[in-house]
Amino acid sequence: MPIRLQRLPLIFILAFAIAHFSGCASLEQMQNAITNLRRLQFKLDSVTTGILAGVDLSKASALSSLTLQDGLRLTTAFAKKSLPLTWTLKVAAKNPNDGTGGSSQRTATLSSLAWTLKIDEKETISGDISQPLEIPGTGQVAVIPLQMNLDLYTFFGERGYKEVLNLALAIAGKQGNAARLTLSAVPTVIVAGINVKYPGQIAIVDKEFTN
């Protein structure tokens, strides 16, 4: 079950962090790292239209809007038990350490965001960001594009042709969105050269920022 860092006792957070710091790290560095980790927030921002078994979904909002040629291609792919879907899921990251509210302004460097994609609460593929990302302490949002490649038939083929295609259109069609998606993720943040890994998964959704 995803957990939230602010609900963990501070002594547990400190003990977890200390176990991952070198002996030369100062208490101030540890406190800064923990503060950054606790305040960094994430949200599913948007999706791009995708490609399903070679069919461009950018003009399709429903099964009835598919061309005859595209429909034949998709029924053939389903019969072969393969419906690969490729699209981009954009994650918004916000660093509230902007110097207001009694906190110091700090830039957070996200070195890892190990994630697992859930569709309709079902776990599918996993991945990570390709390179570290700096999130300035300005209160502004940084967008992280995550390339998604999965075979919908592998995970949802038992639902039948129409339901699987409707799912693809809901996710990556002309009017697609992230409402049916959740990222279970474990962020790792670098502060003053120190890697601090979140001690549990967080659930990143499209409705609100979470940390």
Protein backbone atom coordinates (compact mmCIF):
# COMPACT_ATOMS: atom_id res chain seq x y z
CA MET A 1 0.00 0.00 0.00
CA PRO A 2 1.44 3.47 -0.89
CA ILE A 3 2.52 5.47 2.13
CA ARG A 4 3.04 9.17 2.66
CA LEU A 5 6.24 10.47 4.13
CA GLN A 6 4.60 13.12 6.31
CA ARG A 7 2.82 10.34 8.19
CA LEU A 8 6.07 8.64 9.19
CA PRO A 9 7.56 9.44 12.60
CA LEU A 10 10.51 11.82 12.24
CA ILE A 11 12.80 9.43 14.13
CA PHE A 12 12.10 6.74 11.50
CA ILE A 13 12.90 9.13 8.66
CA LEU A 14 16.14 10.19 10.35
CA ALA A 15 17.16 6.60 11.02
CA PHE A 16 16.46 5.66 7.42
CA ALA A 17 18.44 8.61 6.10
CA ILE A 18 21.41 8.10 8.41
CA ALA A 19 21.74 4.51 7.21
CA HIS A 20 22.28 5.83 3.69
CA PHE A 21 24.68 8.69 4.41
CA SER A 22 28.44 8.46 4.51
CA GLY A 23 30.22 9.13 7.78
CA CYS A 24 31.40 12.56 6.62
CA ALA A 25 27.93 13.88 5.91
CA SER A 26 26.91 16.67 8.27
CA LEU A 27 23.69 16.73 10.25
CA GLU A 28 22.68 19.87 8.35
CA GLN A 29 23.11 18.05 5.01
CA MET A 30 20.95 15.21 6.25
CA GLN A 31 18.27 17.58 7.46
CA ASN A 32 18.30 19.44 4.14
CA ALA A 33 17.98 16.20 2.18
CA ILE A 34 15.11 14.98 4.32
CA THR A 35 13.33 18.32 4.03
CA ASN A 36 13.61 18.27 0.25
CA LEU A 37 12.39 14.70 0.06
CA ARG A 38 9.40 15.39 2.26
CA ARG A 39 8.28 18.48 0.32
CA LEU A 40 8.74 17.37 -3.30
CA GLN A 41 5.34 16.77 -4.90
CA PHE A 42 4.17 14.87 -8.00
CA LYS A 43 1.07 14.73 -10.18
CA LEU A 44 0.09 13.09 -13.48
CA ASP A 45 -0.03 16.08 -15.80
CA SER A 46 -1.19 14.89 -19.24
CA VAL A 47 -0.81 12.26 -21.93
CA THR A 48 0.06 12.41 -25.61
CA THR A 49 -1.92 10.60 -28.27
CA GLY A 50 -0.45 7.20 -29.00
CA ILE A 51 0.15 4.51 -31.58
CA LEU A 52 -1.77 1.25 -31.15
CA ALA A 53 -0.55 -1.69 -33.26
CA GLY A 54 0.61 0.77 -35.92
CA VAL A 55 -2.60 2.83 -35.85
CA ASP A 56 -2.31 6.55 -35.05
CA LEU A 57 -4.90 7.38 -32.36
CA SER A 58 -4.53 11.17 -32.66
CA LYS A 59 -7.77 11.51 -34.65
CA ALA A 60 -9.74 8.81 -32.86
CA SER A 61 -11.97 9.54 -29.88
CA ALA A 62 -14.24 6.48 -30.22
CA LEU A 63 -14.36 3.18 -32.09
CA SER A 64 -16.75 4.73 -34.61
CA SER A 65 -14.13 7.33 -35.58
CA LEU A 66 -11.62 4.69 -36.73
CA THR A 67 -11.28 4.21 -40.47
CA LEU A 68 -12.15 0.87 -42.04
CA GLN A 69 -8.47 0.26 -42.76
CA ASP A 70 -7.47 1.02 -39.16
CA GLY A 71 -10.27 -1.16 -37.84
CA LEU A 72 -9.11 -4.10 -39.95
CA ARG A 73 -5.53 -3.61 -38.79
CA LEU A 74 -6.58 -3.61 -35.13
CA THR A 75 -8.87 -6.64 -35.42
CA THR A 76 -6.04 -8.52 -37.11
CA ALA A 77 -3.61 -7.52 -34.35
CA PHE A 78 -6.11 -8.59 -31.66
CA ALA A 79 -6.59 -11.95 -33.38
CA LYS A 80 -2.81 -12.36 -33.22
CA LYS A 81 -2.96 -11.53 -29.48
CA SER A 82 -0.78 -8.44 -29.72
CA LEU A 83 -1.86 -4.80 -29.27
CA PRO A 84 1.29 -2.77 -28.54
CA LEU A 85 0.54 0.77 -27.39
CA THR A 86 3.12 3.56 -27.33
CA TRP A 87 2.46 6.99 -25.83
CA THR A 88 3.98 9.56 -23.47
CA LEU A 89 2.80 10.13 -19.92
CA LYS A 90 3.83 13.50 -18.51
CA VAL A 91 4.46 13.78 -14.77
CA ALA A 92 4.49 17.19 -13.08
CA ALA A 93 6.99 17.67 -10.24
CA LYS A 94 6.82 20.63 -7.89
CA ASN A 95 9.40 21.77 -5.36
CA PRO A 96 7.71 24.01 -2.75
CA ASN A 97 11.09 24.90 -1.14
CA ASP A 98 10.84 28.46 -2.48
CA GLY A 99 11.92 30.34 0.64
CA THR A 100 8.41 31.13 1.86
CA GLY A 101 6.59 29.80 4.88
CA GLY A 102 9.76 29.59 6.96
CA SER A 103 11.59 27.17 4.64
CA SER A 104 14.88 27.83 2.86
CA GLN A 105 14.95 27.99 -0.92
CA ARG A 106 16.51 24.78 -2.21
CA THR A 107 16.87 23.11 -5.58
CA ALA A 108 16.01 19.41 -5.55
CA THR A 109 17.75 17.06 -7.98
CA LEU A 110 15.66 14.02 -8.78
CA SER A 111 18.15 11.25 -9.57
CA SER A 112 15.62 8.44 -9.86
CA LEU A 113 11.90 7.92 -10.12
CA ALA A 114 11.48 4.16 -10.20
CA TRP A 115 7.87 3.65 -11.26
CA THR A 116 5.28 1.00 -11.99
CA LEU A 117 2.31 1.92 -14.17
CA LYS A 118 -1.16 0.88 -13.02
CA ILE A 119 -4.09 0.94 -15.43
CA ASP A 120 -7.47 0.54 -13.77
CA GLU A 121 -5.48 -0.38 -10.63
CA LYS A 122 -3.77 -3.27 -12.42
CA GLU A 123 0.05 -3.30 -12.40
CA THR A 124 1.61 -3.34 -15.85
CA ILE A 125 5.09 -2.12 -16.85
CA SER A 126 7.91 -0.54 -14.83
CA GLY A 127 10.69 1.93 -15.58
CA ASP A 128 12.71 4.93 -14.41
CA ILE A 129 13.78 8.37 -15.63
CA SER A 130 16.70 8.32 -18.06
CA GLN A 131 18.74 11.07 -16.38
CA PRO A 132 18.71 13.28 -13.26
CA LEU A 133 16.34 16.25 -13.28
CA GLU A 134 16.74 19.50 -11.37
CA ILE A 135 13.57 20.91 -9.86
CA PRO A 136 14.24 24.55 -8.84
CA GLY A 137 12.94 25.80 -5.52
CA THR A 138 10.70 28.37 -7.17
CA GLY A 139 7.32 26.74 -6.72
CA GLN A 140 7.12 26.23 -10.48
CA VAL A 141 6.30 22.88 -12.04
CA ALA A 142 8.83 20.75 -13.94
CA VAL A 143 7.38 18.26 -16.40
CA ILE A 144 8.90 14.78 -16.70
CA PRO A 145 7.97 12.93 -19.94
CA LEU A 146 7.85 9.17 -19.51
CA GLN A 147 7.75 7.00 -22.62
CA MET A 148 5.24 4.18 -22.23
CA ASN A 149 5.43 0.99 -24.29
CA LEU A 150 3.21 -1.93 -23.37
CA ASP A 151 1.11 -4.60 -25.01
CA LEU A 152 -2.49 -4.02 -23.93
CA TYR A 153 -3.45 -7.53 -24.99
CA THR A 154 -0.95 -9.03 -22.53
CA PHE A 155 -2.61 -7.31 -19.58
CA PHE A 156 -6.23 -6.82 -20.71
CA GLY A 157 -6.86 -9.21 -23.61
CA GLU A 158 -9.40 -11.18 -21.59
CA ARG A 159 -11.70 -8.15 -21.63
CA GLY A 160 -12.40 -8.55 -25.32
CA TYR A 161 -11.70 -6.49 -28.43
CA LYS A 162 -14.07 -3.57 -27.93
CA GLU A 163 -13.21 -2.98 -24.28
CA VAL A 164 -9.47 -3.10 -24.91
CA LEU A 165 -9.76 -0.60 -27.78
CA ASN A 166 -11.95 1.68 -25.68
CA LEU A 167 -9.29 1.50 -22.97
CA ALA A 168 -6.57 2.48 -25.46
CA LEU A 169 -8.65 5.44 -26.67
CA ALA A 170 -9.36 6.55 -23.09
CA ILE A 171 -5.64 6.54 -22.33
CA ALA A 172 -4.06 7.74 -25.55
CA GLY A 173 -6.80 8.69 -27.99
CA LYS A 174 -7.78 12.15 -29.22
CA GLN A 175 -9.51 12.88 -25.91
CA GLY A 176 -7.29 10.65 -23.81
CA ASN A 177 -6.27 11.56 -20.27
CA ALA A 178 -4.60 10.08 -17.20
CA ALA A 179 -7.75 9.48 -15.16
CA ARG A 180 -7.42 5.69 -15.33
CA LEU A 181 -3.69 5.72 -14.64
CA THR A 182 -1.63 5.63 -11.44
CA LEU A 183 2.13 5.62 -11.04
CA SER A 184 3.44 3.80 -7.99
CA ALA A 185 6.84 5.42 -7.64
CA VAL A 186 9.90 5.58 -5.40
CA PRO A 187 11.73 8.91 -5.83
CA THR A 188 15.40 9.40 -5.02
CA VAL A 189 16.60 12.97 -4.43
CA ILE A 190 20.18 14.30 -4.41
CA VAL A 191 20.97 17.12 -1.99
CA ALA A 192 24.57 18.26 -1.44
CA GLY A 193 25.80 15.14 -3.22
CA ILE A 194 23.74 12.84 -1.03
CA ASN A 195 21.22 10.33 -2.44
CA VAL A 196 18.09 9.99 -0.33
CA LYS A 197 15.68 7.27 -1.38
CA TYR A 198 12.05 7.42 -0.36
CA PRO A 199 11.38 4.63 2.16
CA GLY A 200 8.21 3.47 0.38
CA GLN A 201 6.07 3.93 -2.71
CA ILE A 202 3.94 6.97 -3.39
CA ALA A 203 0.83 6.94 -5.57
CA ILE A 204 0.99 9.61 -8.28
CA VAL A 205 -2.45 10.42 -9.71
CA ASP A 206 -3.97 13.10 -11.94
CA LYS A 207 -6.31 14.71 -9.41
CA GLU A 208 -3.84 16.34 -7.03
CA PHE A 209 -0.18 16.71 -6.12
CA THR A 210 1.03 14.03 -3.72
CA ASN A 211 4.27 13.41 -1.80
